[in-house]
């Protein structure tokens, strides 16, 4: 399974979001330090979910990282998060 699909699946299961968009931005970072051959290293997430409402920015990011799990987060070099309730 591609990393984009793993991110989408885990976030959908954890938050049942009203909006979820995951984008692989790896091509824009090819050749940069930390960007592996073959990409799948840099991602952007836009998520809107009731469960994230009322949380601080830091708490939303922590919840998203927890939902993704350590095994997946450690394979990602960069994750840009746009999250709201």
C-alpha atoms as a PDB file:
ATOM      1  CA  UNK A   1       0.000   0.000   0.000  1.00  0.00           C
ATOM      2  CA  UNK A   2       1.273   3.466  -0.881  1.00  0.00           C
ATOM      3  CA  UNK A   3       2.016   5.844   1.986  1.00  0.00           C
ATOM      4  CA  UNK A   4      -0.714   8.268   0.819  1.00  0.00           C
ATOM      5  CA  UNK A   5      -3.249   5.455   1.098  1.00  0.00           C
ATOM      6  CA  UNK A   6      -1.985   4.466   4.549  1.00  0.00           C
ATOM      7  CA  UNK A   7      -2.315   8.049   5.772  1.00  0.00           C
ATOM      8  CA  UNK A   8      -5.821   8.365   4.318  1.00  0.00           C
ATOM      9  CA  UNK A   9      -6.958   5.048   5.800  1.00  0.00           C
ATOM     10  CA  UNK A  10      -5.620   5.675   9.289  1.00  0.00           C
ATOM     11  CA  UNK A  11      -6.973   9.223   9.508  1.00  0.00           C
ATOM     12  CA  UNK A  12     -10.377   8.213   8.123  1.00  0.00           C
ATOM     13  CA  UNK A  13     -10.644   5.392  10.667  1.00  0.00           C
ATOM     14  CA  UNK A  14      -9.527   7.569  13.590  1.00  0.00           C
ATOM     15  CA  UNK A  15     -11.537  10.719  12.900  1.00  0.00           C
ATOM     16  CA  UNK A  16     -14.335  10.027  10.356  1.00  0.00           C
ATOM     17  CA  UNK A  17     -13.523  13.444   8.858  1.00  0.00           C
ATOM     18  CA  UNK A  18     -15.912  15.628   6.889  1.00  0.00           C
ATOM     19  CA  UNK A  19     -12.972  16.546   4.678  1.00  0.00           C
ATOM     20  CA  UNK A  20      -9.704  14.732   4.126  1.00  0.00           C
ATOM     21  CA  UNK A  21      -7.114  15.466   1.482  1.00  0.00           C
ATOM     22  CA  UNK A  22      -3.657  13.879   1.479  1.00  0.00           C
ATOM     23  CA  UNK A  23      -1.118  14.972  -1.095  1.00  0.00           C
ATOM     24  CA  UNK A  24       2.302  13.515  -1.861  1.00  0.00           C
ATOM     25  CA  UNK A  25       4.644  16.509  -2.234  1.00  0.00           C
ATOM     26  CA  UNK A  26       7.784  14.370  -2.565  1.00  0.00           C
ATOM     27  CA  UNK A  27       8.533  15.296  -6.189  1.00  0.00           C
ATOM     28  CA  UNK A  28       9.074  18.921  -5.140  1.00  0.00           C
ATOM     29  CA  UNK A  29      11.768  17.756  -2.706  1.00  0.00           C
ATOM     30  CA  UNK A  30      13.676  15.282  -4.890  1.00  0.00           C
ATOM     31  CA  UNK A  31      17.389  15.515  -4.246  1.00  0.00           C
ATOM     32  CA  UNK A  32      17.001  17.290  -0.904  1.00  0.00           C
ATOM     33  CA  UNK A  33      18.517  15.911   2.256  1.00  0.00           C
ATOM     34  CA  UNK A  34      16.211  13.305   3.765  1.00  0.00           C
ATOM     35  CA  UNK A  35      14.308  12.718   0.535  1.00  0.00           C
ATOM     36  CA  UNK A  36      14.762   9.061  -0.408  1.00  0.00           C
ATOM     37  CA  UNK A  37      14.908   7.705  -3.954  1.00  0.00           C
ATOM     38  CA  UNK A  38      11.422   6.909  -5.141  1.00  0.00           C
ATOM     39  CA  UNK A  39       9.726   9.633  -3.110  1.00  0.00           C
ATOM     40  CA  UNK A  40       6.939   8.989  -0.618  1.00  0.00           C
ATOM     41  CA  UNK A  41       8.646  11.187   1.963  1.00  0.00           C
ATOM     42  CA  UNK A  42       6.889  14.592   2.009  1.00  0.00           C
ATOM     43  CA  UNK A  43       3.138  14.943   2.489  1.00  0.00           C
ATOM     44  CA  UNK A  44       0.453  17.544   3.079  1.00  0.00           C
ATOM     45  CA  UNK A  45      -2.741  16.744   4.966  1.00  0.00           C
ATOM     46  CA  UNK A  46      -5.913  18.827   5.147  1.00  0.00           C
ATOM     47  CA  UNK A  47      -8.433  17.393   7.594  1.00  0.00           C
ATOM     48  CA  UNK A  48     -11.697  18.663   9.056  1.00  0.00           C
ATOM     49  CA  UNK A  49     -13.164  16.509  11.809  1.00  0.00           C
ATOM     50  CA  UNK A  50     -15.459  17.120  14.771  1.00  0.00           C
ATOM     51  CA  UNK A  51     -13.072  15.275  17.078  1.00  0.00           C
ATOM     52  CA  UNK A  52     -10.416  17.937  16.442  1.00  0.00           C
ATOM     53  CA  UNK A  53     -12.739  20.852  17.303  1.00  0.00           C
ATOM     54  CA  UNK A  54     -11.723  22.810  20.350  1.00  0.00           C
ATOM     55  CA  UNK A  55      -8.211  21.371  20.473  1.00  0.00           C
ATOM     56  CA  UNK A  56      -5.158  23.589  20.339  1.00  0.00           C
ATOM     57  CA  UNK A  57      -2.983  23.414  17.229  1.00  0.00           C
ATOM     58  CA  UNK A  58      -0.424  21.323  19.111  1.00  0.00           C
ATOM     59  CA  UNK A  59      -3.096  18.949  20.428  1.00  0.00           C
ATOM     60  CA  UNK A  60      -4.541  18.494  16.911  1.00  0.00           C
ATOM     61  CA  UNK A  61      -1.089  17.654  15.537  1.00  0.00           C
ATOM     62  CA  UNK A  62      -0.439  15.206  18.384  1.00  0.00           C
ATOM     63  CA  UNK A  63      -3.787  13.500  17.768  1.00  0.00           C
ATOM     64  CA  UNK A  64      -3.006  13.142  14.068  1.00  0.00           C
ATOM     65  CA  UNK A  65       0.466  11.749  14.742  1.00  0.00           C
ATOM     66  CA  UNK A  66      -1.016   9.291  17.259  1.00  0.00           C
ATOM     67  CA  UNK A  67      -3.630   8.174  14.719  1.00  0.00           C
ATOM     68  CA  UNK A  68      -0.958   7.630  12.080  1.00  0.00           C
ATOM     69  CA  UNK A  69       1.140   5.577  14.489  1.00  0.00           C
ATOM     70  CA  UNK A  70       4.847   5.578  15.143  1.00  0.00           C
ATOM     71  CA  UNK A  71       5.539   2.996  12.425  1.00  0.00           C
ATOM     72  CA  UNK A  72       4.133   5.272   9.721  1.00  0.00           C
ATOM     73  CA  UNK A  73       5.349   8.600  11.129  1.00  0.00           C
ATOM     74  CA  UNK A  74       8.949   7.345  11.221  1.00  0.00           C
ATOM     75  CA  UNK A  75       8.797   6.610   7.462  1.00  0.00           C
ATOM     76  CA  UNK A  76       7.711  10.172   6.650  1.00  0.00           C
ATOM     77  CA  UNK A  77      10.357  12.867   6.378  1.00  0.00           C
ATOM     78  CA  UNK A  78       7.937  15.837   6.413  1.00  0.00           C
ATOM     79  CA  UNK A  79       4.226  16.167   7.116  1.00  0.00           C
ATOM     80  CA  UNK A  80       2.438  19.500   6.691  1.00  0.00           C
ATOM     81  CA  UNK A  81      -0.858  19.498   8.616  1.00  0.00           C
ATOM     82  CA  UNK A  82      -3.830  21.789   8.104  1.00  0.00           C
ATOM     83  CA  UNK A  83      -6.332  20.588  10.695  1.00  0.00           C
ATOM     84  CA  UNK A  84      -9.498  22.017  12.163  1.00  0.00           C
ATOM     85  CA  UNK A  85     -12.720  20.940  13.812  1.00  0.00           C
END
